C-alpha atoms as a PDB file:
ATOM      1  CA  MET A   1      22.223  27.856  -6.718  1.00  0.00           C
ATOM      2  CA  THR A   2      24.604  28.127  -9.668  1.00  0.00           C
ATOM      3  CA  GLU A   3      24.174  25.633 -12.486  1.00  0.00           C
ATOM      4  CA  ARG A   4      27.631  24.152 -11.735  1.00  0.00           C
ATOM      5  CA  LYS A   5      27.050  23.686  -7.946  1.00  0.00           C
ATOM      6  CA  LEU A   6      23.623  22.561  -8.807  1.00  0.00           C
ATOM      7  CA  LYS A   7      25.226  19.653 -11.555  1.00  0.00           C
ATOM      8  CA  ASP A   8      27.934  18.891  -9.115  1.00  0.00           C
ATOM      9  CA  ASP A   9      25.413  18.573  -6.270  1.00  0.00           C
ATOM     10  CA  VAL A  10      22.999  16.229  -8.238  1.00  0.00           C
ATOM     11  CA  GLY A  11      25.969  14.063  -9.633  1.00  0.00           C
ATOM     12  CA  LYS A  12      26.794  13.097  -6.626  1.00  0.00           C
ATOM     13  CA  LEU A  13      23.867  10.810  -6.051  1.00  0.00           C
ATOM     14  CA  THR A  14      22.885   7.594  -6.924  1.00  0.00           C
ATOM     15  CA  PHE A  15      19.984   6.751  -9.068  1.00  0.00           C
ATOM     16  CA  GLU A  16      17.684   5.858  -6.401  1.00  0.00           C
ATOM     17  CA  GLN A  17      18.355   9.563  -4.373  1.00  0.00           C
ATOM     18  CA  ALA A  18      17.896  11.334  -7.382  1.00  0.00           C
ATOM     19  CA  ILE A  19      14.244   9.840  -8.108  1.00  0.00           C
ATOM     20  CA  GLN A  20      13.504  10.397  -4.878  1.00  0.00           C
ATOM     21  CA  GLN A  21      14.355  13.808  -4.980  1.00  0.00           C
ATOM     22  CA  LEU A  22      12.654  14.268  -8.152  1.00  0.00           C
ATOM     23  CA  LYS A  23       9.392  12.433  -6.831  1.00  0.00           C
ATOM     24  CA  GLU A  24       9.858  15.562  -3.909  1.00  0.00           C
ATOM     25  CA  ILE A  25      10.272  18.265  -6.215  1.00  0.00           C
ATOM     26  CA  VAL A  26       6.652  17.125  -8.398  1.00  0.00           C
ATOM     27  CA  ASP A  27       4.758  16.750  -5.512  1.00  0.00           C
ATOM     28  CA  LYS A  28       5.795  20.615  -4.427  1.00  0.00           C
ATOM     29  CA  ILE A  29       5.023  21.591  -7.615  1.00  0.00           C
ATOM     30  CA  GLU A  30       1.792  20.155  -8.163  1.00  0.00           C
ATOM     31  CA  GLN A  31       0.360  20.459  -4.925  1.00  0.00           C
ATOM     32  CA  GLY A  32       1.096  24.500  -5.610  1.00  0.00           C
ATOM     33  CA  GLU A  33       2.679  24.852  -2.229  1.00  0.00           C
ATOM     34  CA  ILE A  34       6.146  27.228  -3.433  1.00  0.00           C
ATOM     35  CA  PRO A  35       5.884  31.184  -5.287  1.00  0.00           C
ATOM     36  CA  LEU A  36       6.534  30.689  -8.272  1.00  0.00           C
ATOM     37  CA  GLN A  37      10.507  31.539  -8.192  1.00  0.00           C
ATOM     38  CA  ASP A  38      10.947  28.659  -6.328  1.00  0.00           C
ATOM     39  CA  SER A  39       9.289  26.238  -8.464  1.00  0.00           C
ATOM     40  CA  LEU A  40      11.105  27.352 -11.151  1.00  0.00           C
ATOM     41  CA  GLU A  41      14.007  26.859  -9.272  1.00  0.00           C
ATOM     42  CA  GLN A  42      12.743  23.632  -8.399  1.00  0.00           C
ATOM     43  CA  TYR A  43      11.993  23.408 -11.995  1.00  0.00           C
ATOM     44  CA  GLU A  44      15.450  23.860 -13.094  1.00  0.00           C
ATOM     45  CA  LYS A  45      16.749  21.048 -10.217  1.00  0.00           C
ATOM     46  CA  GLY A  46      14.196  18.504 -11.794  1.00  0.00           C
ATOM     47  CA  MET A  47      15.907  19.192 -14.981  1.00  0.00           C
ATOM     48  CA  ALA A  48      19.242  17.897 -13.868  1.00  0.00           C
ATOM     49  CA  LEU A  49      17.883  15.235 -12.121  1.00  0.00           C
ATOM     50  CA  ILE A  50      16.354  13.671 -14.819  1.00  0.00           C
ATOM     51  CA  ASN A  51      19.453  14.433 -17.177  1.00  0.00           C
ATOM     52  CA  HIS A  52      21.563  12.679 -14.171  1.00  0.00           C
ATOM     53  CA  CYS A  53      19.004   9.789 -14.203  1.00  0.00           C
ATOM     54  CA  ARG A  54      19.581   9.463 -17.909  1.00  0.00           C
ATOM     55  CA  THR A  55      23.376   9.274 -17.734  1.00  0.00           C
ATOM     56  CA  ILE A  56      22.965   6.421 -15.105  1.00  0.00           C
ATOM     57  CA  LEU A  57      20.804   4.575 -17.668  1.00  0.00           C
ATOM     58  CA  GLN A  58      23.082   5.257 -20.458  1.00  0.00           C
ATOM     59  CA  LYS A  59      26.203   4.342 -18.601  1.00  0.00           C
ATOM     60  CA  ALA A  60      23.943   0.575 -17.366  1.00  0.00           C
ATOM     61  CA  GLU A  61      22.346   0.036 -20.560  1.00  0.00           C
ATOM     62  CA  LYS A  62      26.033   0.329 -22.429  1.00  0.00           C
ATOM     63  CA  ARG A  63      27.497  -2.334 -19.399  1.00  0.00           C
ATOM     64  CA  ILE A  64      24.753  -4.587 -20.269  1.00  0.00           C
ATOM     65  CA  GLU A  65      25.571  -4.530 -23.738  1.00  0.00           C
ATOM     66  CA  LYS A  66      29.560  -4.849 -23.166  1.00  0.00           C
ATOM     67  CA  ILE A  67      28.900  -7.861 -20.863  1.00  0.00           C
ATOM     68  CA  SER A  68      26.221 -10.013 -23.190  1.00  0.00           C
ATOM     69  CA  LYS A  69      28.818  -9.130 -26.509  1.00  0.00           C
ATOM     70  CA  GLU A  70      31.314 -11.328 -24.177  1.00  0.00           C
ATOM     71  CA  GLU A  71      31.811 -14.679 -25.070  1.00  0.00           C
ATOM     72  CA  PRO A  72      30.110 -17.248 -23.015  1.00  0.00           C
ATOM     73  CA  ARG A  73      32.482 -19.249 -21.386  1.00  0.00           C
ATOM     74  CA  GLU A  74      32.113 -23.380 -21.562  1.00  0.00           C
ATOM     75  CA  PRO A  75      31.200 -24.474 -18.184  1.00  0.00           C
ATOM     76  CA  GLU A  76      33.985 -26.195 -16.617  1.00  0.00           C
ATOM     77  CA  ARG A  77      34.295 -30.201 -16.979  1.00  0.00           C
ATOM     78  CA  GLN A  78      33.943 -32.386 -13.875  1.00  0.00           C
ATOM     79  CA  ASP A  79      36.703 -34.883 -12.988  1.00  0.00           C
ATOM     80  CA  GLU A  80      35.854 -38.342 -13.271  1.00  0.00           C
ATOM     81  CA  ASP A  81      37.338 -39.026  -9.858  1.00  0.00           C
ATOM     82  CA  SER A  82      35.050 -35.988  -8.332  1.00  0.00           C
ATOM     83  CA  GLU A  83      31.867 -36.361  -6.907  1.00  0.00           C
ATOM     84  CA  PRO A  84      28.894 -35.201  -9.377  1.00  0.00           C
ATOM     85  CA  LEU A  85      27.648 -31.765  -8.273  1.00  0.00           C
ATOM     86  CA  LEU A  86      23.780 -33.399  -8.315  1.00  0.00           C
ATOM     87  CA  ARG A  87      22.937 -36.342  -7.322  1.00  0.00           C
ATOM     88  CA  GLY A  88      19.819 -38.437  -8.150  1.00  0.00           C
END
Protein backbone atom coordinates (compact mmCIF):
# COMPACT_ATOMS: atom_id res chain seq x y z
CA MET A 1 0.00 0.00 0.00
CA THR A 2 1.38 3.39 -0.91
CA GLU A 3 1.97 5.95 1.80
CA ARG A 4 -0.56 8.32 0.20
CA LYS A 5 -3.26 5.63 0.05
CA LEU A 6 -2.53 4.64 3.64
CA LYS A 7 -2.93 8.24 4.85
CA ASP A 8 -6.14 8.63 2.84
CA ASP A 9 -7.61 5.43 4.26
CA VAL A 10 -6.59 6.25 7.83
CA GLY A 11 -7.80 9.84 7.46
CA LYS A 12 -11.36 8.65 6.90
CA LEU A 13 -11.53 6.84 10.24
CA THR A 14 -13.14 8.17 13.38
CA PHE A 15 -11.01 8.34 16.51
CA GLU A 16 -12.68 5.23 17.90
CA GLN A 17 -12.19 3.26 14.68
CA ALA A 18 -8.52 4.23 14.54
CA ILE A 19 -7.97 3.17 18.16
CA GLN A 20 -9.66 -0.18 17.49
CA GLN A 21 -7.46 -0.85 14.45
CA LEU A 22 -4.41 0.16 16.44
CA LYS A 23 -5.30 -2.34 19.19
CA GLU A 24 -5.70 -5.09 16.59
CA ILE A 25 -2.30 -4.29 15.06
CA VAL A 26 -0.60 -4.33 18.46
CA ASP A 27 -2.19 -7.70 19.28
CA LYS A 28 -1.02 -9.23 15.99
CA ILE A 29 2.53 -7.97 16.36
CA GLU A 30 2.81 -8.96 20.03
CA GLN A 31 1.57 -12.48 19.31
CA GLY A 32 4.20 -12.90 16.62
CA GLU A 33 1.68 -14.49 14.28
CA ILE A 34 2.69 -12.53 11.19
CA PRO A 35 5.87 -12.57 9.09
CA LEU A 36 8.45 -9.81 9.45
CA GLN A 37 7.43 -7.96 6.26
CA ASP A 38 3.79 -7.93 7.35
CA SER A 39 4.87 -6.73 10.80
CA LEU A 40 6.69 -3.81 9.21
CA GLU A 41 3.63 -2.91 7.13
CA GLN A 42 1.40 -3.14 10.19
CA TYR A 43 3.86 -1.01 12.15
CA GLU A 44 3.74 1.62 9.40
CA LYS A 45 -0.06 1.58 9.47
CA GLY A 46 0.02 1.79 13.26
CA MET A 47 2.17 4.90 13.12
CA ALA A 48 -0.26 6.47 10.63
CA LEU A 49 -3.13 5.63 13.00
CA ILE A 50 -1.29 7.19 15.95
CA ASN A 51 -0.64 10.38 13.98
CA HIS A 52 -4.29 10.50 12.90
CA CYS A 53 -5.46 10.11 16.51
CA ARG A 54 -3.07 12.85 17.67
CA THR A 55 -4.44 15.19 15.01
CA ILE A 56 -8.02 14.50 16.08
CA LEU A 57 -7.12 15.08 19.74
CA GLN A 58 -5.30 18.33 18.94
CA LYS A 59 -8.33 19.63 17.04
CA ALA A 60 -10.60 18.68 19.94
CA GLU A 61 -8.29 20.42 22.40
CA LYS A 62 -8.29 23.62 20.31
CA ARG A 63 -12.07 23.49 20.08
CA ILE A 64 -12.38 23.10 23.85
CA GLU A 65 -9.99 26.02 24.41
CA LYS A 66 -12.02 28.17 22.03
CA ILE A 67 -15.28 27.29 23.77
CA SER A 68 -13.73 27.93 27.18
CA LYS A 69 -12.50 31.38 26.14
CA GLU A 70 -15.90 32.54 24.96
CA GLU A 71 -17.56 34.86 27.41
CA PRO A 72 -20.22 33.12 29.42
CA ARG A 73 -23.67 34.45 28.80
CA GLU A 74 -25.65 35.84 31.67
CA PRO A 75 -28.62 33.70 32.65
CA GLU A 76 -31.86 34.93 31.19
CA ARG A 77 -33.99 36.83 33.66
CA GLN A 78 -37.39 35.49 34.43
CA ASP A 79 -40.37 37.77 33.91
CA GLU A 80 -42.37 38.56 37.02
CA ASP A 81 -45.54 37.29 35.33
CA SER A 82 -44.13 33.90 34.41
CA GLU A 83 -44.13 30.88 36.67
CA PRO A 84 -40.96 30.14 38.61
CA LEU A 85 -38.83 27.34 37.20
CA LEU A 86 -38.43 25.66 40.56
CA ARG A 87 -41.23 25.32 43.01
CA GLY A 88 -40.57 24.88 46.67
